[in-house]
Amino acid sequence: MTDLAGVAPDMERHLVLSATTRSADLEEIVTRFGPCKPDHLLFTKLDETGAFGPVFNELVRSGMPLSFYTDGQRVPEDIHVLPKERILDIVLKDA
């Protein structure tokens, strides 16, 4: 995957993570995919968790922006862009 990422250096790379994943596992996943140089994090399954702390913590820890999130199974209807100034709305369940 690292070689593939080097083929198109101008291509955006989004690391897709489940919002239901534990904080320690999110950190390990992001670290392991670090050599692929992801530009953004994309969280799925926001509708399947009541704990948004791990999502917020990983965004802060990694320093990567959130590109999209999903909150359902319908594509493309359930894929959303979240302006960075609204990330706390998600964490506080106000989105």
N, C-alpha and C. Protein backbone atom coordinates (compact mmCIF):
# COMPACT_ATOMS: atom_id res chain seq x y z
N MET A 1 0.81 -1.19 0.00
CA MET A 1 0.00 0.00 0.00
C MET A 1 0.86 1.26 0.00
N THR A 2 1.99 1.17 0.69
CA THR A 2 2.89 2.32 0.72
C THR A 2 3.41 2.63 -0.68
N ASP A 3 3.76 1.58 -1.45
CA ASP A 3 4.21 1.79 -2.82
C ASP A 3 3.12 2.42 -3.67
N LEU A 4 1.89 1.97 -3.50
CA LEU A 4 0.77 2.51 -4.25
C LEU A 4 0.55 3.98 -3.91
N ALA A 5 0.68 4.33 -2.64
CA ALA A 5 0.50 5.72 -2.23
C ALA A 5 1.55 6.63 -2.88
N GLY A 6 2.75 6.09 -3.15
CA GLY A 6 3.80 6.88 -3.77
C GLY A 6 3.62 7.11 -5.26
N VAL A 7 2.74 6.32 -5.89
CA VAL A 7 2.51 6.44 -7.33
C VAL A 7 1.81 7.75 -7.67
N ALA A 8 0.89 8.15 -6.82
CA ALA A 8 0.13 9.38 -7.05
C ALA A 8 0.23 10.27 -5.81
N PRO A 9 1.35 10.96 -5.64
CA PRO A 9 1.55 11.73 -4.42
C PRO A 9 0.55 12.86 -4.21
N ASP A 10 -0.12 13.32 -5.27
CA ASP A 10 -1.10 14.40 -5.12
C ASP A 10 -2.49 13.88 -4.76
N MET A 11 -2.66 12.56 -4.74
CA MET A 11 -3.95 11.96 -4.43
C MET A 11 -4.21 12.07 -2.92
N GLU A 12 -5.44 12.44 -2.55
CA GLU A 12 -5.82 12.47 -1.14
C GLU A 12 -6.00 11.05 -0.64
N ARG A 13 -5.53 10.80 0.56
CA ARG A 13 -5.67 9.48 1.17
C ARG A 13 -6.48 9.61 2.45
N HIS A 14 -7.58 8.87 2.50
CA HIS A 14 -8.49 8.89 3.65
C HIS A 14 -8.40 7.55 4.35
N LEU A 15 -8.05 7.56 5.63
CA LEU A 15 -8.01 6.34 6.41
C LEU A 15 -9.40 6.14 7.02
N VAL A 16 -10.04 5.04 6.68
CA VAL A 16 -11.41 4.76 7.11
C VAL A 16 -11.36 3.96 8.41
N LEU A 17 -12.04 4.47 9.43
CA LEU A 17 -12.07 3.87 10.75
C LEU A 17 -13.50 3.76 11.25
N SER A 18 -13.77 2.75 12.02
CA SER A 18 -15.10 2.60 12.63
C SER A 18 -15.15 3.40 13.93
N ALA A 19 -16.21 4.14 14.12
CA ALA A 19 -16.40 4.91 15.35
C ALA A 19 -16.64 4.00 16.55
N THR A 20 -16.89 2.72 16.31
CA THR A 20 -17.12 1.78 17.40
C THR A 20 -15.83 1.15 17.92
N THR A 21 -14.69 1.54 17.36
CA THR A 21 -13.39 0.98 17.74
C THR A 21 -12.87 1.65 19.02
N ARG A 22 -12.26 0.86 19.89
CA ARG A 22 -11.69 1.39 21.14
C ARG A 22 -10.54 2.34 20.85
N SER A 23 -10.31 3.29 21.76
CA SER A 23 -9.26 4.30 21.60
C SER A 23 -7.89 3.70 21.34
N ALA A 24 -7.51 2.70 22.14
CA ALA A 24 -6.18 2.10 21.98
C ALA A 24 -6.04 1.47 20.61
N ASP A 25 -7.12 0.85 20.11
CA ASP A 25 -7.06 0.22 18.79
C ASP A 25 -7.02 1.27 17.68
N LEU A 26 -7.75 2.37 17.85
CA LEU A 26 -7.69 3.44 16.86
C LEU A 26 -6.26 3.97 16.74
N GLU A 27 -5.63 4.19 17.88
CA GLU A 27 -4.26 4.70 17.87
C GLU A 27 -3.33 3.72 17.15
N GLU A 28 -3.48 2.44 17.42
CA GLU A 28 -2.62 1.45 16.77
C GLU A 28 -2.86 1.39 15.27
N ILE A 29 -4.12 1.45 14.85
CA ILE A 29 -4.45 1.41 13.42
C ILE A 29 -3.84 2.61 12.70
N VAL A 30 -4.03 3.80 13.27
CA VAL A 30 -3.49 5.02 12.64
C VAL A 30 -1.96 4.94 12.57
N THR A 31 -1.35 4.43 13.61
CA THR A 31 0.11 4.29 13.62
C THR A 31 0.57 3.31 12.55
N ARG A 32 -0.11 2.18 12.45
CA ARG A 32 0.29 1.15 11.48
C ARG A 32 0.12 1.63 10.03
N PHE A 33 -0.89 2.46 9.80
CA PHE A 33 -1.10 2.97 8.44
C PHE A 33 -0.32 4.26 8.19
N GLY A 34 0.44 4.73 9.17
CA GLY A 34 1.25 5.94 9.02
C GLY A 34 2.13 5.95 7.79
N PRO A 35 2.82 4.82 7.46
CA PRO A 35 3.67 4.81 6.27
C PRO A 35 2.91 5.08 4.96
N CYS A 36 1.60 4.88 4.97
CA CYS A 36 0.79 5.17 3.77
C CYS A 36 0.46 6.66 3.67
N LYS A 37 0.82 7.41 4.68
CA LYS A 37 0.65 8.86 4.73
C LYS A 37 -0.79 9.31 4.49
N PRO A 38 -1.73 8.83 5.31
CA PRO A 38 -3.11 9.31 5.14
C PRO A 38 -3.19 10.81 5.43
N ASP A 39 -4.05 11.49 4.67
CA ASP A 39 -4.25 12.93 4.84
C ASP A 39 -5.41 13.24 5.77
N HIS A 40 -6.39 12.35 5.79
CA HIS A 40 -7.63 12.58 6.53
C HIS A 40 -8.08 11.29 7.21
N LEU A 41 -8.92 11.47 8.22
CA LEU A 41 -9.60 10.34 8.82
C LEU A 41 -11.07 10.40 8.40
N LEU A 42 -11.63 9.25 8.14
CA LEU A 42 -13.04 9.12 7.78
C LEU A 42 -13.62 8.11 8.76
N PHE A 43 -14.61 8.53 9.55
CA PHE A 43 -15.21 7.64 10.53
C PHE A 43 -16.56 7.14 10.05
N THR A 44 -16.75 5.83 10.16
CA THR A 44 -18.02 5.19 9.82
C THR A 44 -18.74 4.80 11.11
N LYS A 45 -20.01 4.46 10.98
CA LYS A 45 -20.82 3.89 12.07
C LYS A 45 -21.05 4.85 13.24
N LEU A 46 -21.13 6.14 12.97
CA LEU A 46 -21.41 7.06 14.07
C LEU A 46 -22.80 6.80 14.66
N ASP A 47 -23.67 6.17 13.87
CA ASP A 47 -25.00 5.83 14.37
C ASP A 47 -25.00 4.61 15.28
N GLU A 48 -23.88 3.89 15.34
CA GLU A 48 -23.80 2.65 16.11
C GLU A 48 -23.04 2.81 17.42
N THR A 49 -22.71 4.04 17.79
CA THR A 49 -22.00 4.25 19.05
C THR A 49 -22.60 5.42 19.80
N GLY A 50 -22.51 5.35 21.10
CA GLY A 50 -22.93 6.47 21.94
C GLY A 50 -21.73 7.15 22.56
N ALA A 51 -20.54 6.61 22.29
CA ALA A 51 -19.31 7.14 22.86
C ALA A 51 -18.45 7.74 21.75
N PHE A 52 -18.44 9.06 21.67
CA PHE A 52 -17.70 9.74 20.62
C PHE A 52 -16.33 10.21 21.08
N GLY A 53 -16.02 9.99 22.35
CA GLY A 53 -14.72 10.38 22.87
C GLY A 53 -13.55 9.78 22.10
N PRO A 54 -13.60 8.46 21.79
CA PRO A 54 -12.49 7.88 21.03
C PRO A 54 -12.27 8.54 19.66
N VAL A 55 -13.36 8.92 19.00
CA VAL A 55 -13.25 9.60 17.70
C VAL A 55 -12.55 10.93 17.89
N PHE A 56 -13.03 11.71 18.83
CA PHE A 56 -12.44 13.02 19.10
C PHE A 56 -10.98 12.88 19.54
N ASN A 57 -10.72 11.94 20.44
CA ASN A 57 -9.35 11.75 20.92
C ASN A 57 -8.39 11.43 19.78
N GLU A 58 -8.82 10.58 18.85
CA GLU A 58 -7.92 10.19 17.76
C GLU A 58 -7.70 11.36 16.79
N LEU A 59 -8.72 12.16 16.57
CA LEU A 59 -8.53 13.35 15.73
C LEU A 59 -7.50 14.29 16.35
N VAL A 60 -7.59 14.48 17.65
CA VAL A 60 -6.64 15.35 18.35
C VAL A 60 -5.26 14.71 18.36
N ARG A 61 -5.18 13.43 18.73
CA ARG A 61 -3.89 12.73 18.85
C ARG A 61 -3.15 12.69 17.52
N SER A 62 -3.88 12.34 16.45
CA SER A 62 -3.22 12.18 15.15
C SER A 62 -2.96 13.52 14.46
N GLY A 63 -3.76 14.52 14.79
CA GLY A 63 -3.62 15.82 14.13
C GLY A 63 -4.18 15.84 12.72
N MET A 64 -4.83 14.74 12.32
CA MET A 64 -5.42 14.67 10.98
C MET A 64 -6.86 15.19 11.01
N PRO A 65 -7.27 15.86 9.97
CA PRO A 65 -8.65 16.35 9.92
C PRO A 65 -9.64 15.23 9.58
N LEU A 66 -10.86 15.43 9.99
CA LEU A 66 -11.96 14.54 9.62
C LEU A 66 -12.45 14.96 8.25
N SER A 67 -12.49 14.03 7.32
CA SER A 67 -12.96 14.37 5.97
C SER A 67 -14.45 14.12 5.83
N PHE A 68 -14.89 12.94 6.22
CA PHE A 68 -16.29 12.55 6.12
C PHE A 68 -16.64 11.67 7.31
N TYR A 69 -17.93 11.49 7.52
CA TYR A 69 -18.40 10.49 8.47
C TYR A 69 -19.65 9.86 7.90
N THR A 70 -19.95 8.66 8.37
CA THR A 70 -21.18 8.00 7.94
C THR A 70 -22.02 7.69 9.17
N ASP A 71 -23.33 7.72 8.96
CA ASP A 71 -24.25 7.42 10.05
C ASP A 71 -25.42 6.57 9.56
N GLY A 72 -25.13 5.66 8.68
CA GLY A 72 -26.14 4.75 8.16
C GLY A 72 -25.57 3.92 7.04
N GLN A 73 -26.42 3.11 6.44
CA GLN A 73 -25.96 2.16 5.43
C GLN A 73 -26.25 2.60 3.99
N ARG A 74 -26.97 3.70 3.84
CA ARG A 74 -27.30 4.17 2.49
C ARG A 74 -26.17 4.99 1.91
N VAL A 75 -25.71 4.59 0.75
CA VAL A 75 -24.64 5.32 0.05
C VAL A 75 -25.26 5.91 -1.21
N PRO A 76 -25.11 7.17 -1.45
CA PRO A 76 -24.28 8.16 -0.77
C PRO A 76 -25.02 8.98 0.28
N GLU A 77 -26.29 8.70 0.52
CA GLU A 77 -27.09 9.55 1.41
C GLU A 77 -26.54 9.67 2.83
N ASP A 78 -25.91 8.63 3.34
CA ASP A 78 -25.45 8.65 4.72
C ASP A 78 -23.97 9.00 4.88
N ILE A 79 -23.34 9.48 3.82
CA ILE A 79 -21.97 9.99 3.90
C ILE A 79 -22.06 11.50 4.01
N HIS A 80 -21.40 12.06 5.02
CA HIS A 80 -21.54 13.48 5.30
C HIS A 80 -20.17 14.15 5.44
N VAL A 81 -20.13 15.40 5.06
CA VAL A 81 -18.97 16.26 5.31
C VAL A 81 -19.27 17.01 6.60
N LEU A 82 -18.28 17.13 7.44
CA LEU A 82 -18.48 17.86 8.69
C LEU A 82 -17.45 18.97 8.77
N PRO A 83 -17.91 20.22 8.70
CA PRO A 83 -16.95 21.32 8.87
C PRO A 83 -16.25 21.19 10.21
N LYS A 84 -14.96 21.48 10.27
CA LYS A 84 -14.19 21.27 11.50
C LYS A 84 -14.76 22.04 12.68
N GLU A 85 -15.42 23.15 12.42
CA GLU A 85 -15.99 23.90 13.53
C GLU A 85 -17.22 23.22 14.14
N ARG A 86 -17.69 22.13 13.51
CA ARG A 86 -18.84 21.40 14.04
C ARG A 86 -18.47 20.05 14.65
N ILE A 87 -17.18 19.74 14.76
CA ILE A 87 -16.77 18.44 15.29
C ILE A 87 -17.27 18.23 16.71
N LEU A 88 -17.30 19.28 17.51
CA LEU A 88 -17.80 19.14 18.87
C LEU A 88 -19.29 18.84 18.89
N ASP A 89 -20.02 19.23 17.85
CA ASP A 89 -21.44 18.87 17.76
C ASP A 89 -21.61 17.36 17.73
N ILE A 90 -20.72 16.70 16.99
CA ILE A 90 -20.77 15.24 16.92
C ILE A 90 -20.41 14.64 18.27
N VAL A 91 -19.33 15.13 18.86
CA VAL A 91 -18.88 14.59 20.14
C VAL A 91 -19.95 14.78 21.22
N LEU A 92 -20.62 15.90 21.17
CA LEU A 92 -21.65 16.20 22.16
C LEU A 92 -23.04 15.75 21.72
N LYS A 93 -23.10 14.97 20.61
CA LYS A 93 -24.35 14.40 20.06
C LYS A 93 -25.37 15.47 19.70
N ASP A 94 -24.91 16.55 19.12
CA ASP A 94 -25.81 17.64 18.78
C ASP A 94 -25.92 17.83 17.28
N ALA A 95 -25.28 16.96 16.48
CA ALA A 95 -25.27 17.11 15.03
C ALA A 95 -26.51 16.51 14.41
